[in-house]
Amino acid sequence: MRIQAALVERAGAAFTIRDVDLEPPRDDEVLVRMTAAGICHTDLAMRGRWPEKISPMVFGHEGAGVVEAVGAAVGSVRVGDTVALSYRSCGGCDQCTGGHPAYCLRSDLNMRGTRADGSSPLSLDGSAVFGNFFGQSSFATHALAYQTNVVRVPAALSPLIAAPLGCSVQTGAGTVLNVLRPSPGDTVAVFGCGGVGLSAVMAAVSLGCTVVVVDPNPARRELALSLGATDADVTGAHHAIDTTGRPDVITRAIGALRRRGTLALVGLGGKAEFDIMTVMYNGIRIRGVIEGDAAPATFLPQLIDLHRLGRLPVERLVTEYPFTEIEAAARDAATGKVVKPVLTFG
């Protein structure tokens, strides 16, 4: 079928909307007509360094839409279902069967730009277009996804809410609810108030925690405060969350913890140095977290319940853009003008 997709022709290039061809779903695939797609920092980071040999590329991994067709082996969703899309996992390795699909041993399935067999369902004038990003490539009017990353959601749920659940909200809230699991009254320090950080703020506030935020952007700090946080001095925290991936911020986060406190690292970054004696002497735990250590099929419904109860007001983070303005939306996200741009499809 002929669809429209936002192509990145080479590393660092702008998003360009083109007409491309999409194959029908295979036995294990689900065809979804997109109604919304969030723009995540990961999309922008990977756009800047995606290999030329697997370009042009279609990114996007916070999709929401309606199922239009399913393969013969798919039994979890059917045509007409409203769904949110998340990351892909194999479903069969020990991490997946043990309830931790975010650490799937086939994590390459999310980043290879092709199906597992090396093929791509996308093409332009007979030449391959790469995609399958996080098992979806949702910067397009239609996307092929998989049983492990398609989650049914209520039809009445706005796609502007459903889309960000699949990554940024899941990552931030999951870090609090699944990994740190603070007790009411604990202090949680959140470094960086983007979509992930603010989702962590909302989740921690919902548990009755004292939440302290650090961010150089006044507007984002103000939003965090309106969600129940404070910007007081960060000392003696039970838990800290770094969403920046910056070595200097990570060092500061370690220094903000009390003895036997825990630091969760969720931001993309390179290398960081810290004082080993400080960590050892204070019994500090450092934990890396992917996708909030969440299983989307069970965790996204929990997030929807929290939203319904008013404890996870995701709409406070969202700015809507039509799909045709994807480059402007990406620019606004990169400069910090908006927290969570969500593309909508007419």
Protein backbone atom coordinates (compact mmCIF):
# COMPACT_ATOMS: atom_id res chain seq x y z
CA MET A 1 0.00 0.00 0.00
CA ARG A 2 1.08 3.59 -0.54
CA ILE A 3 1.64 5.56 2.67
CA GLN A 4 3.39 8.73 3.76
CA ALA A 5 6.46 8.54 5.97
CA ALA A 6 8.98 11.01 7.39
CA LEU A 7 12.34 9.96 5.94
CA VAL A 8 15.79 10.87 7.23
CA GLU A 9 18.00 10.57 4.16
CA ARG A 10 21.32 10.63 6.05
CA ALA A 11 22.61 11.20 9.58
CA GLY A 12 21.59 14.64 10.82
CA ALA A 13 19.29 15.41 7.89
CA ALA A 14 15.85 16.92 8.29
CA PHE A 15 12.67 14.87 8.32
CA THR A 16 11.21 14.80 4.80
CA ILE A 17 7.71 13.48 4.20
CA ARG A 18 7.60 11.20 1.17
CA ASP A 19 5.19 8.75 -0.43
CA VAL A 20 6.54 5.22 0.10
CA ASP A 21 5.26 1.68 -0.35
CA LEU A 22 4.53 -0.61 2.60
CA GLU A 23 4.15 -4.38 2.31
CA PRO A 24 1.15 -6.20 3.80
CA PRO A 25 1.72 -7.66 7.30
CA ARG A 26 3.45 -11.00 7.59
CA ASP A 27 2.09 -13.71 9.89
CA ASP A 28 3.61 -12.13 13.02
CA GLU A 29 2.92 -8.48 12.12
CA VAL A 30 0.18 -5.97 12.84
CA LEU A 31 -0.73 -3.12 10.47
CA VAL A 32 -1.65 0.03 12.40
CA ARG A 33 -3.10 3.23 11.00
CA MET A 34 -1.41 5.92 13.05
CA THR A 35 -3.46 8.55 14.84
CA ALA A 36 -0.61 10.04 16.87
CA ALA A 37 3.12 9.65 17.46
CA GLY A 38 5.25 11.22 20.15
CA ILE A 39 8.72 12.58 19.43
CA CYS A 40 11.27 11.25 21.91
CA HIS A 41 14.85 12.33 22.57
CA THR A 42 15.96 8.92 21.31
CA ASP A 43 14.47 9.65 17.88
CA LEU A 44 16.46 12.87 17.66
CA ALA A 45 19.67 11.36 19.03
CA MET A 46 19.59 8.43 16.61
CA ARG A 47 18.69 10.69 13.68
CA GLY A 48 22.01 12.42 14.27
CA ARG A 49 24.14 9.31 14.05
CA TRP A 50 22.22 6.69 12.07
CA PRO A 51 24.54 4.64 9.77
CA GLU A 52 24.52 5.62 6.10
CA LYS A 53 24.37 1.98 5.01
CA ILE A 54 20.87 1.67 6.49
CA SER A 55 19.45 4.94 5.21
CA PRO A 56 17.01 6.45 4.35
CA MET A 57 15.40 5.68 7.69
CA VAL A 58 11.96 6.09 9.28
CA PHE A 59 12.09 6.72 13.03
CA GLY A 60 9.29 7.05 15.59
CA HIS A 61 8.65 4.76 18.55
CA GLU A 62 5.76 6.29 20.50
CA GLY A 63 2.88 5.40 18.22
CA ALA A 64 -0.86 5.18 18.75
CA GLY A 65 -3.49 4.15 16.26
CA VAL A 66 -6.07 1.68 15.03
CA VAL A 67 -5.40 -1.89 13.85
CA GLU A 68 -6.21 -2.30 10.15
CA ALA A 69 -4.89 -5.82 9.53
CA VAL A 70 -3.22 -8.66 11.44
CA GLY A 71 -1.07 -11.60 10.42
CA ALA A 72 -2.27 -15.18 10.79
CA ALA A 73 -0.18 -15.79 13.93
CA VAL A 74 -1.41 -12.71 15.81
CA GLY A 75 -4.05 -13.36 18.47
CA SER A 76 -3.73 -10.52 20.97
CA VAL A 77 -5.37 -7.80 18.85
CA ARG A 78 -7.84 -7.67 16.01
CA VAL A 79 -8.93 -5.27 13.30
CA GLY A 80 -10.54 -2.16 14.76
CA ASP A 81 -8.72 -2.26 18.09
CA THR A 82 -7.31 1.03 19.38
CA VAL A 83 -3.69 0.48 20.38
CA ALA A 84 -0.54 2.07 21.73
CA LEU A 85 2.86 0.93 20.48
CA SER A 86 5.98 0.39 22.55
CA TYR A 87 9.39 -1.25 22.21
CA ARG A 88 9.81 -4.68 20.64
CA SER A 89 11.01 -7.81 22.45
CA CYS A 90 11.43 -11.40 21.31
CA GLY A 91 9.06 -12.85 23.91
CA GLY A 92 11.07 -16.05 24.24
CA CYS A 93 14.42 -15.37 25.97
CA ASP A 94 14.91 -15.74 29.73
CA GLN A 95 14.56 -11.99 30.31
CA CYS A 96 11.25 -11.86 28.43
CA THR A 97 9.80 -14.97 30.06
CA GLY A 98 11.06 -13.75 33.44
CA GLY A 99 9.00 -10.57 33.21
CA HIS A 100 11.76 -8.17 32.13
CA PRO A 101 11.33 -7.76 28.35
CA ALA A 102 13.07 -4.36 28.46
CA TYR A 103 16.28 -6.37 28.83
CA CYS A 104 15.42 -8.79 26.02
CA LEU A 105 18.49 -10.59 24.72
CA ARG A 106 17.37 -9.62 21.21
CA SER A 107 17.38 -5.87 21.88
CA ASP A 108 18.93 -5.46 18.42
CA LEU A 109 15.42 -5.98 17.04
CA ASN A 110 14.71 -2.36 18.00
CA MET A 111 17.70 -0.75 16.32
CA ARG A 112 18.68 -2.74 13.22
CA GLY A 113 16.45 -0.85 10.76
CA THR A 114 15.11 -4.09 9.29
CA ARG A 115 13.14 -7.16 10.19
CA ALA A 116 15.06 -9.97 11.89
CA ASP A 117 15.71 -11.58 8.49
CA GLY A 118 17.28 -8.38 7.13
CA SER A 119 14.35 -7.37 4.91
CA SER A 120 12.46 -4.10 5.03
CA PRO A 121 8.73 -3.77 4.33
CA LEU A 122 9.25 -0.19 3.13
CA SER A 123 10.42 0.94 -0.30
CA LEU A 124 10.62 4.04 -2.48
CA ASP A 125 10.64 3.66 -6.26
CA GLY A 126 11.81 0.08 -5.84
CA SER A 127 14.69 0.89 -3.47
CA ALA A 128 14.69 -0.12 0.18
CA VAL A 129 13.64 2.33 2.87
CA PHE A 130 14.67 1.24 6.34
CA GLY A 131 12.52 1.28 9.43
CA ASN A 132 11.26 -1.21 12.02
CA PHE A 133 12.53 1.28 14.62
CA PHE A 134 11.53 -0.16 18.01
CA GLY A 135 9.43 -2.57 15.97
CA GLN A 136 7.19 0.20 14.59
CA SER A 137 8.68 3.29 12.83
CA SER A 138 5.61 5.33 13.70
CA PHE A 139 6.59 8.57 11.92
CA ALA A 140 4.31 7.46 9.13
CA THR A 141 0.62 7.26 8.35
CA HIS A 142 0.78 3.47 8.76
CA ALA A 143 3.22 1.19 10.58
CA LEU A 144 3.89 -2.51 10.92
CA ALA A 145 4.32 -3.65 14.52
CA TYR A 146 4.35 -6.94 16.45
CA GLN A 147 2.31 -8.78 19.02
CA THR A 148 4.89 -8.02 21.74
CA ASN A 149 4.76 -4.24 21.26
CA VAL A 150 1.09 -3.61 20.48
CA VAL A 151 -1.13 -2.91 23.50
CA ARG A 152 -4.89 -2.45 23.36
CA VAL A 153 -6.08 0.77 24.98
CA PRO A 154 -9.58 2.20 25.54
CA ALA A 155 -11.07 3.70 22.39
CA ALA A 156 -12.05 6.77 24.40
CA LEU A 157 -8.45 7.50 25.41
CA SER A 158 -7.06 10.45 23.45
CA PRO A 159 -4.22 9.41 21.12
CA LEU A 160 -2.34 12.46 22.44
CA ILE A 161 -2.21 10.61 25.77
CA ALA A 162 -1.80 7.08 24.42
CA ALA A 163 1.22 7.83 22.22
CA PRO A 164 3.75 9.00 24.88
CA LEU A 165 2.87 6.09 27.16
CA GLY A 166 4.92 3.69 25.03
CA CYS A 167 8.33 5.15 25.89
CA SER A 168 8.89 8.42 27.76
CA VAL A 169 6.03 8.09 30.26
CA GLN A 170 6.68 4.38 30.68
CA THR A 171 10.38 5.03 31.28
CA GLY A 172 9.95 7.79 33.84
CA ALA A 173 7.00 6.37 35.72
CA GLY A 174 8.36 2.82 35.49
CA THR A 175 11.69 3.86 37.00
CA VAL A 176 9.78 5.01 40.07
CA LEU A 177 7.05 2.38 40.26
CA ASN A 178 8.95 -0.72 39.09
CA VAL A 179 12.58 -0.11 40.02
CA LEU A 180 13.02 2.39 42.87
CA ARG A 181 9.67 1.66 44.54
CA PRO A 182 9.95 4.47 47.10
CA SER A 183 7.86 4.51 50.26
CA PRO A 184 5.50 7.38 51.05
CA GLY A 185 7.52 10.21 52.56
CA ASP A 186 10.77 9.26 50.80
CA THR A 187 12.64 12.00 48.99
CA VAL A 188 13.14 11.46 45.26
CA ALA A 189 15.49 13.80 43.37
CA VAL A 190 14.85 14.09 39.62
CA PHE A 191 17.59 15.58 37.46
CA GLY A 192 16.18 16.80 34.13
CA CYS A 193 12.54 17.73 33.59
CA GLY A 194 11.82 16.51 30.09
CA GLY A 195 9.13 13.97 29.31
CA VAL A 196 10.90 11.18 31.20
CA GLY A 197 11.78 13.30 34.22
CA LEU A 198 8.32 14.82 34.56
CA SER A 199 6.72 11.39 34.25
CA ALA A 200 8.94 10.29 37.13
CA VAL A 201 7.83 13.37 39.08
CA MET A 202 4.16 12.54 38.59
CA ALA A 203 4.64 8.90 39.59
CA ALA A 204 6.62 9.79 42.73
CA VAL A 205 4.11 12.45 43.76
CA SER A 206 1.31 9.91 43.31
CA LEU A 207 3.05 7.69 45.90
CA GLY A 208 3.23 10.49 48.46
CA CYS A 209 6.94 11.18 48.04
CA THR A 210 8.74 14.48 48.44
CA VAL A 211 10.07 15.21 44.95
CA VAL A 212 12.94 17.63 44.33
CA VAL A 213 13.74 18.65 40.75
CA VAL A 214 16.83 20.09 39.09
CA ASP A 215 16.63 21.62 35.62
CA PRO A 216 18.14 24.80 34.13
CA ASN A 217 14.95 25.58 32.17
CA PRO A 218 12.68 27.83 34.30
CA ALA A 219 9.52 26.85 32.41
CA ARG A 220 10.15 23.17 32.99
CA ARG A 221 10.90 23.75 36.67
CA GLU A 222 7.64 25.66 36.99
CA LEU A 223 5.75 22.82 35.33
CA ALA A 224 7.37 20.32 37.71
CA LEU A 225 6.37 22.48 40.70
CA SER A 226 2.78 22.65 39.45
CA LEU A 227 2.81 18.84 39.33
CA GLY A 228 3.72 18.64 43.01
CA ALA A 229 7.53 18.89 43.08
CA THR A 230 9.82 21.37 44.81
CA ASP A 231 13.13 22.91 43.72
CA ALA A 232 14.67 23.06 47.22
CA ASP A 233 18.30 22.13 47.85
CA VAL A 234 18.91 18.49 46.94
CA THR A 235 20.47 16.75 49.94
CA GLY A 236 19.82 13.49 51.69
CA ALA A 237 17.56 11.99 49.02
CA HIS A 238 16.55 8.36 49.29
CA HIS A 239 16.51 8.04 45.51
CA ALA A 240 17.82 10.02 42.56
CA ILE A 241 17.01 9.74 38.86
CA ASP A 242 19.31 11.11 36.17
CA THR A 243 17.60 11.67 32.82
CA THR A 244 20.42 13.69 31.23
CA GLY A 245 23.28 11.23 30.71
CA ARG A 246 25.70 14.07 31.55
CA PRO A 247 28.73 13.16 33.70
CA ASP A 248 28.58 16.37 35.76
CA VAL A 249 24.90 15.85 36.54
CA ILE A 250 25.48 12.21 37.48
CA THR A 251 28.19 13.28 39.91
CA ARG A 252 25.81 15.81 41.43
CA ALA A 253 23.09 13.17 41.71
CA ILE A 254 25.42 10.84 43.62
CA GLY A 255 26.24 13.69 45.98
CA ALA A 256 22.54 14.34 46.59
CA LEU A 257 21.92 10.85 48.02
CA ARG A 258 21.89 9.80 51.65
CA ARG A 259 23.71 6.69 52.75
CA ARG A 260 22.45 3.55 51.02
CA GLY A 261 20.54 5.68 48.54
CA THR A 262 19.91 4.57 44.96
CA LEU A 263 20.69 6.34 41.70
CA ALA A 264 18.76 5.30 38.60
CA LEU A 265 20.42 6.15 35.28
CA VAL A 266 17.89 6.54 32.47
CA GLY A 267 19.46 9.19 30.20
CA LEU A 268 21.39 8.42 27.03
CA GLY A 269 25.06 9.24 27.43
CA GLY A 270 28.63 8.11 27.02
CA LYS A 271 31.10 7.69 29.86
CA ALA A 272 30.88 9.10 33.38
CA GLU A 273 33.42 9.18 36.18
CA PHE A 274 32.60 9.11 39.88
CA ASP A 275 34.50 8.78 43.12
CA ILE A 276 34.55 5.10 44.02
CA MET A 277 35.17 5.74 47.73
CA THR A 278 32.12 8.01 47.94
CA VAL A 279 29.95 5.28 46.46
CA MET A 280 31.49 2.53 48.59
CA TYR A 281 31.60 4.43 51.87
CA ASN A 282 27.98 5.48 51.56
CA GLY A 283 26.68 2.17 50.24
CA ILE A 284 25.19 3.88 47.20
CA ARG A 285 23.53 1.71 44.58
CA ILE A 286 23.68 2.68 40.91
CA ARG A 287 21.11 1.08 38.65
CA GLY A 288 20.73 1.39 34.89
CA VAL A 289 17.12 1.39 33.72
CA ILE A 290 15.69 0.77 30.25
CA GLU A 291 12.02 1.51 29.49
CA GLY A 292 11.22 1.63 33.21
CA ASP A 293 11.85 -2.14 33.42
CA ALA A 294 8.24 -2.37 32.27
CA ALA A 295 6.34 -5.02 30.35
CA PRO A 296 4.12 -2.86 28.12
CA ALA A 297 1.20 -5.30 27.99
CA THR A 298 0.66 -5.03 31.75
CA PHE A 299 2.23 -1.67 32.59
CA LEU A 300 0.52 0.58 30.04
CA PRO A 301 -2.91 -0.35 31.44
CA GLN A 302 -1.61 0.62 34.91
CA LEU A 303 -0.54 4.01 33.54
CA ILE A 304 -3.95 4.48 31.93
CA ASP A 305 -5.61 3.76 35.27
CA LEU A 306 -3.39 6.35 36.99
CA HIS A 307 -4.30 8.87 34.30
CA ARG A 308 -8.01 8.13 34.74
CA LEU A 309 -7.63 8.79 38.47
CA GLY A 310 -5.94 12.14 37.78
CA ARG A 311 -2.60 11.01 39.20
CA LEU A 312 -0.73 10.98 35.89
CA PRO A 313 -1.84 14.08 33.93
CA VAL A 314 0.18 13.34 30.80
CA GLU A 315 -1.74 16.01 28.88
CA ARG A 316 0.15 18.65 30.90
CA LEU A 317 3.33 17.65 29.03
CA VAL A 318 1.93 17.45 25.48
CA THR A 319 2.05 19.96 22.64
CA GLU A 320 0.20 18.88 19.49
CA TYR A 321 1.61 19.26 15.96
CA PRO A 322 0.22 18.02 12.64
CA PHE A 323 2.37 15.34 11.06
CA THR A 324 3.31 17.75 8.26
CA GLU A 325 5.10 19.92 10.84
CA ILE A 326 7.36 17.16 12.14
CA GLU A 327 10.57 19.10 11.54
CA ALA A 328 9.28 22.11 13.50
CA ALA A 329 8.16 19.78 16.29
CA ALA A 330 11.59 18.14 16.40
CA ARG A 331 13.29 21.53 16.52
CA ASP A 332 11.06 22.68 19.38
CA ALA A 333 11.82 19.49 21.29
CA ALA A 334 15.57 19.81 20.74
CA THR A 335 15.65 23.42 21.95
CA GLY A 336 13.49 22.71 24.99
CA LYS A 337 10.65 24.91 23.81
CA VAL A 338 8.19 22.08 24.43
CA VAL A 339 8.35 19.00 26.64
CA LYS A 340 6.54 16.34 24.62
CA PRO A 341 5.59 17.10 21.01
CA VAL A 342 2.98 14.69 19.70
CA LEU A 343 2.26 14.44 15.99
CA THR A 344 -1.33 13.90 14.86
CA PHE A 345 -2.51 12.45 11.56
CA GLY A 346 -5.51 13.86 9.75
